[in-house]
Amino acid sequence: MFSPNTRIYQPGYISHISLGLSIFIIQSVALGISQSSYMPDLVCTGIWGGAYLVMFAFLAKENTLTSKAMQWMSYYAILIGFTSIGLYSWRFSVYGPLIADCKNFPASVYGISLCGRVAIDCCMIINGVFIVLVNGFIYSKAPSLATNNALIKE
């Protein structure tokens, strides 16, 4: 059924799929409830970043990447993670002092309550940190993870 060279599980596949889908869904929800007036939501890091991570996962699972291609793809994924961290942590400086009283804060920030905005921003930052960690590991281990018979040649 499977040849001895077939890899059923490629490291990073599950993490890329779950991180890609979660960042895509969180970004879509944030865009829907913020009425497109919040600058980090307009950049859509989660949408294009999530699609990129899912694509990377499927390419890695199908053993089509050489070690150099895997390193470059993980490098770009690290940039996506840093972009997510940077965009959403930047906003904490704007409403940082109000976070302690977010339940008592009556006004909404960009169409969403302050507590909701903090939750979405924290989820995007946490996903960004995991994206950087997973892809940093994959970048360093790419020569041992990539196949010798990859379809995409260097």
C-alpha atoms as a PDB file:
ATOM      1  CA  MET A   1       0.000   0.000   0.000  1.00  0.00           C
ATOM      2  CA  PHE A   2       2.717   2.480   0.965  1.00  0.00           C
ATOM      3  CA  SER A   3       6.240   2.334  -0.319  1.00  0.00           C
ATOM      4  CA  PRO A   4       8.991   2.403   2.322  1.00  0.00           C
ATOM      5  CA  ASN A   5       9.938   5.937   1.232  1.00  0.00           C
ATOM      6  CA  THR A   6       6.425   7.334   1.709  1.00  0.00           C
ATOM      7  CA  ARG A   7       6.143   9.666   4.633  1.00  0.00           C
ATOM      8  CA  ILE A   8       2.680   9.528   6.130  1.00  0.00           C
ATOM      9  CA  TYR A   9       3.293  12.408   8.526  1.00  0.00           C
ATOM     10  CA  GLN A  10       5.538  15.279   7.625  1.00  0.00           C
ATOM     11  CA  PRO A  11       6.611  17.279  10.711  1.00  0.00           C
ATOM     12  CA  GLY A  12       4.823  20.570  10.843  1.00  0.00           C
ATOM     13  CA  TYR A  13       1.863  19.444   8.735  1.00  0.00           C
ATOM     14  CA  ILE A  14      -0.684  19.368  11.552  1.00  0.00           C
ATOM     15  CA  SER A  15       0.668  22.538  13.139  1.00  0.00           C
ATOM     16  CA  HIS A  16       0.603  24.441   9.842  1.00  0.00           C
ATOM     17  CA  ILE A  17      -2.949  23.340   9.088  1.00  0.00           C
ATOM     18  CA  SER A  18      -4.215  24.229  12.567  1.00  0.00           C
ATOM     19  CA  LEU A  19      -2.330  27.545  12.772  1.00  0.00           C
ATOM     20  CA  GLY A  20      -3.320  28.485   9.224  1.00  0.00           C
ATOM     21  CA  LEU A  21      -6.992  27.736   9.769  1.00  0.00           C
ATOM     22  CA  SER A  22      -7.139  29.380  13.188  1.00  0.00           C
ATOM     23  CA  ILE A  23      -5.452  32.593  12.052  1.00  0.00           C
ATOM     24  CA  PHE A  24      -7.696  32.641   8.949  1.00  0.00           C
ATOM     25  CA  ILE A  25     -10.871  32.198  11.014  1.00  0.00           C
ATOM     26  CA  ILE A  26      -9.873  34.724  13.690  1.00  0.00           C
ATOM     27  CA  GLN A  27      -8.990  37.288  11.015  1.00  0.00           C
ATOM     28  CA  SER A  28     -12.287  36.691   9.195  1.00  0.00           C
ATOM     29  CA  VAL A  29     -14.264  37.136  12.418  1.00  0.00           C
ATOM     30  CA  ALA A  30     -12.272  40.258  13.292  1.00  0.00           C
ATOM     31  CA  LEU A  31     -12.909  41.716   9.858  1.00  0.00           C
ATOM     32  CA  GLY A  32     -16.608  40.933  10.076  1.00  0.00           C
ATOM     33  CA  ILE A  33     -17.208  42.533  13.446  1.00  0.00           C
ATOM     34  CA  SER A  34     -14.851  45.490  13.168  1.00  0.00           C
ATOM     35  CA  GLN A  35     -16.614  46.809  10.046  1.00  0.00           C
ATOM     36  CA  SER A  36     -13.281  47.212   8.237  1.00  0.00           C
ATOM     37  CA  SER A  37     -12.193  50.256  10.203  1.00  0.00           C
ATOM     38  CA  TYR A  38      -9.352  48.739  12.215  1.00  0.00           C
ATOM     39  CA  MET A  39      -5.997  49.035  10.459  1.00  0.00           C
ATOM     40  CA  PRO A  40      -4.513  45.614  11.395  1.00  0.00           C
ATOM     41  CA  ASP A  41      -7.726  43.967  10.198  1.00  0.00           C
ATOM     42  CA  LEU A  42      -7.530  45.790   6.869  1.00  0.00           C
ATOM     43  CA  VAL A  43      -4.060  44.353   6.221  1.00  0.00           C
ATOM     44  CA  CYS A  44      -5.644  40.862   6.399  1.00  0.00           C
ATOM     45  CA  THR A  45      -2.513  39.160   7.697  1.00  0.00           C
ATOM     46  CA  GLY A  46      -4.596  36.257   8.926  1.00  0.00           C
ATOM     47  CA  ILE A  47      -6.327  35.641   5.617  1.00  0.00           C
ATOM     48  CA  TRP A  48      -3.330  35.593   3.302  1.00  0.00           C
ATOM     49  CA  GLY A  49      -1.073  34.195   6.048  1.00  0.00           C
ATOM     50  CA  GLY A  50      -3.487  31.385   6.824  1.00  0.00           C
ATOM     51  CA  ALA A  51      -3.834  30.480   3.157  1.00  0.00           C
ATOM     52  CA  TYR A  52      -0.036  30.451   2.822  1.00  0.00           C
ATOM     53  CA  LEU A  53       0.398  28.159   5.849  1.00  0.00           C
ATOM     54  CA  VAL A  54      -2.189  25.690   4.560  1.00  0.00           C
ATOM     55  CA  MET A  55      -0.518  25.684   1.121  1.00  0.00           C
ATOM     56  CA  PHE A  56       2.875  25.114   2.770  1.00  0.00           C
ATOM     57  CA  ALA A  57       1.443  22.212   4.781  1.00  0.00           C
ATOM     58  CA  PHE A  58       0.059  20.472   1.705  1.00  0.00           C
ATOM     59  CA  LEU A  59       3.283  20.933  -0.252  1.00  0.00           C
ATOM     60  CA  ALA A  60       5.290  19.530   2.654  1.00  0.00           C
ATOM     61  CA  LYS A  61       2.912  16.589   3.059  1.00  0.00           C
ATOM     62  CA  GLU A  62       3.127  15.695  -0.617  1.00  0.00           C
ATOM     63  CA  ASN A  63       6.952  15.638  -0.417  1.00  0.00           C
ATOM     64  CA  THR A  64       7.312  18.153  -3.237  1.00  0.00           C
ATOM     65  CA  LEU A  65       9.752  20.485  -1.505  1.00  0.00           C
ATOM     66  CA  THR A  66      13.520  20.413  -1.569  1.00  0.00           C
ATOM     67  CA  SER A  67      15.378  21.531   1.528  1.00  0.00           C
ATOM     68  CA  LYS A  68      16.084  24.956   0.014  1.00  0.00           C
ATOM     69  CA  ALA A  69      12.413  25.460  -0.947  1.00  0.00           C
ATOM     70  CA  MET A  70      11.307  24.337   2.514  1.00  0.00           C
ATOM     71  CA  GLN A  71      13.714  26.803   4.122  1.00  0.00           C
ATOM     72  CA  TRP A  72      12.437  29.682   1.986  1.00  0.00           C
ATOM     73  CA  MET A  73       8.800  28.827   2.624  1.00  0.00           C
ATOM     74  CA  SER A  74       9.398  28.597   6.373  1.00  0.00           C
ATOM     75  CA  TYR A  75      11.313  31.897   6.225  1.00  0.00           C
ATOM     76  CA  TYR A  76       8.283  33.610   4.650  1.00  0.00           C
ATOM     77  CA  ALA A  77       6.025  31.972   7.231  1.00  0.00           C
ATOM     78  CA  ILE A  78       8.251  33.422   9.971  1.00  0.00           C
ATOM     79  CA  LEU A  79       7.736  36.850   8.393  1.00  0.00           C
ATOM     80  CA  ILE A  80       3.971  36.253   8.476  1.00  0.00           C
ATOM     81  CA  GLY A  81       4.221  35.420  12.177  1.00  0.00           C
ATOM     82  CA  PHE A  82       6.255  38.549  12.928  1.00  0.00           C
ATOM     83  CA  THR A  83       3.788  40.649  10.922  1.00  0.00           C
ATOM     84  CA  SER A  84       0.908  39.283  12.965  1.00  0.00           C
ATOM     85  CA  ILE A  85       2.765  39.878  16.229  1.00  0.00           C
ATOM     86  CA  GLY A  86       3.784  43.396  15.234  1.00  0.00           C
ATOM     87  CA  LEU A  87       0.444  44.599  13.921  1.00  0.00           C
ATOM     88  CA  TYR A  88      -1.636  43.367  16.819  1.00  0.00           C
ATOM     89  CA  SER A  89       0.779  44.159  19.661  1.00  0.00           C
ATOM     90  CA  TRP A  90       1.155  47.697  18.298  1.00  0.00           C
ATOM     91  CA  ARG A  91      -2.490  48.350  19.187  1.00  0.00           C
ATOM     92  CA  PHE A  92      -1.948  47.511  22.853  1.00  0.00           C
ATOM     93  CA  SER A  93      -0.107  50.813  23.244  1.00  0.00           C
ATOM     94  CA  VAL A  94      -3.275  52.623  22.123  1.00  0.00           C
ATOM     95  CA  TYR A  95      -5.742  51.047  24.528  1.00  0.00           C
ATOM     96  CA  GLY A  96      -3.280  49.546  27.036  1.00  0.00           C
ATOM     97  CA  PRO A  97      -4.334  51.565  30.110  1.00  0.00           C
ATOM     98  CA  LEU A  98      -8.006  50.703  29.499  1.00  0.00           C
ATOM     99  CA  ILE A  99      -7.504  46.916  29.476  1.00  0.00           C
ATOM    100  CA  ALA A 100      -7.820  46.553  33.262  1.00  0.00           C
ATOM    101  CA  ASP A 101     -11.344  48.008  33.130  1.00  0.00           C
ATOM    102  CA  CYS A 102     -12.448  46.553  29.804  1.00  0.00           C
ATOM    103  CA  LYS A 103     -15.727  45.189  31.204  1.00  0.00           C
ATOM    104  CA  ASN A 104     -16.619  48.596  32.609  1.00  0.00           C
ATOM    105  CA  PHE A 105     -15.626  50.482  29.466  1.00  0.00           C
ATOM    106  CA  PRO A 106     -18.885  51.401  27.699  1.00  0.00           C
ATOM    107  CA  ALA A 107     -17.576  52.574  24.335  1.00  0.00           C
ATOM    108  CA  SER A 108     -16.631  50.239  21.555  1.00  0.00           C
ATOM    109  CA  VAL A 109     -13.318  50.324  19.774  1.00  0.00           C
ATOM    110  CA  TYR A 110     -13.754  50.101  16.012  1.00  0.00           C
ATOM    111  CA  GLY A 111     -17.170  48.474  16.172  1.00  0.00           C
ATOM    112  CA  ILE A 112     -16.345  45.887  18.842  1.00  0.00           C
ATOM    113  CA  SER A 113     -16.203  46.042  22.635  1.00  0.00           C
ATOM    114  CA  LEU A 114     -12.799  46.592  24.171  1.00  0.00           C
ATOM    115  CA  CYS A 115     -12.786  43.125  25.763  1.00  0.00           C
ATOM    116  CA  GLY A 116     -13.552  41.552  22.397  1.00  0.00           C
ATOM    117  CA  ARG A 117     -10.841  43.575  20.706  1.00  0.00           C
ATOM    118  CA  VAL A 118      -8.287  42.526  23.345  1.00  0.00           C
ATOM    119  CA  ALA A 119      -9.280  38.869  22.929  1.00  0.00           C
ATOM    120  CA  ILE A 120      -8.926  38.983  19.136  1.00  0.00           C
ATOM    121  CA  ASP A 121      -5.604  40.807  19.333  1.00  0.00           C
ATOM    122  CA  CYS A 122      -4.257  38.331  21.904  1.00  0.00           C
ATOM    123  CA  CYS A 123      -5.300  35.366  19.748  1.00  0.00           C
ATOM    124  CA  MET A 124      -3.545  36.856  16.725  1.00  0.00           C
ATOM    125  CA  ILE A 125      -0.386  37.535  18.759  1.00  0.00           C
ATOM    126  CA  ILE A 126      -0.353  34.013  20.216  1.00  0.00           C
ATOM    127  CA  ASN A 127      -0.849  32.489  16.764  1.00  0.00           C
ATOM    128  CA  GLY A 128       1.974  34.678  15.456  1.00  0.00           C
ATOM    129  CA  VAL A 129       4.312  33.448  18.199  1.00  0.00           C
ATOM    130  CA  PHE A 130       3.497  29.810  17.412  1.00  0.00           C
ATOM    131  CA  ILE A 131       3.981  30.433  13.686  1.00  0.00           C
ATOM    132  CA  VAL A 132       7.448  31.862  14.374  1.00  0.00           C
ATOM    133  CA  LEU A 133       8.383  28.967  16.692  1.00  0.00           C
ATOM    134  CA  VAL A 134       7.158  26.166  14.411  1.00  0.00           C
ATOM    135  CA  ASN A 135       8.720  27.636  11.301  1.00  0.00           C
ATOM    136  CA  GLY A 136      11.957  28.489  13.083  1.00  0.00           C
ATOM    137  CA  PHE A 137      12.240  24.795  13.928  1.00  0.00           C
ATOM    138  CA  ILE A 138      11.347  23.754  10.379  1.00  0.00           C
ATOM    139  CA  TYR A 139      13.846  26.244   8.935  1.00  0.00           C
ATOM    140  CA  SER A 140      16.641  24.800  11.056  1.00  0.00           C
ATOM    141  CA  LYS A 141      15.697  21.171  10.325  1.00  0.00           C
ATOM    142  CA  ALA A 142      14.758  21.571   6.631  1.00  0.00           C
ATOM    143  CA  PRO A 143      17.679  19.532   5.227  1.00  0.00           C
ATOM    144  CA  SER A 144      16.596  16.494   7.246  1.00  0.00           C
ATOM    145  CA  LEU A 145      12.849  17.005   6.628  1.00  0.00           C
ATOM    146  CA  ALA A 146      12.898  17.472   2.860  1.00  0.00           C
ATOM    147  CA  THR A 147      12.887  14.505   0.533  1.00  0.00           C
ATOM    148  CA  ASN A 148      15.622  13.624  -1.900  1.00  0.00           C
ATOM    149  CA  ASN A 149      13.167  12.951  -4.704  1.00  0.00           C
ATOM    150  CA  ALA A 150      11.241  16.221  -4.556  1.00  0.00           C
ATOM    151  CA  LEU A 151       9.301  17.242  -7.629  1.00  0.00           C
ATOM    152  CA  ILE A 152      10.431  20.853  -7.381  1.00  0.00           C
ATOM    153  CA  LYS A 153      14.118  20.931  -8.257  1.00  0.00           C
ATOM    154  CA  GLU A 154      16.526  23.564  -6.991  1.00  0.00           C
END
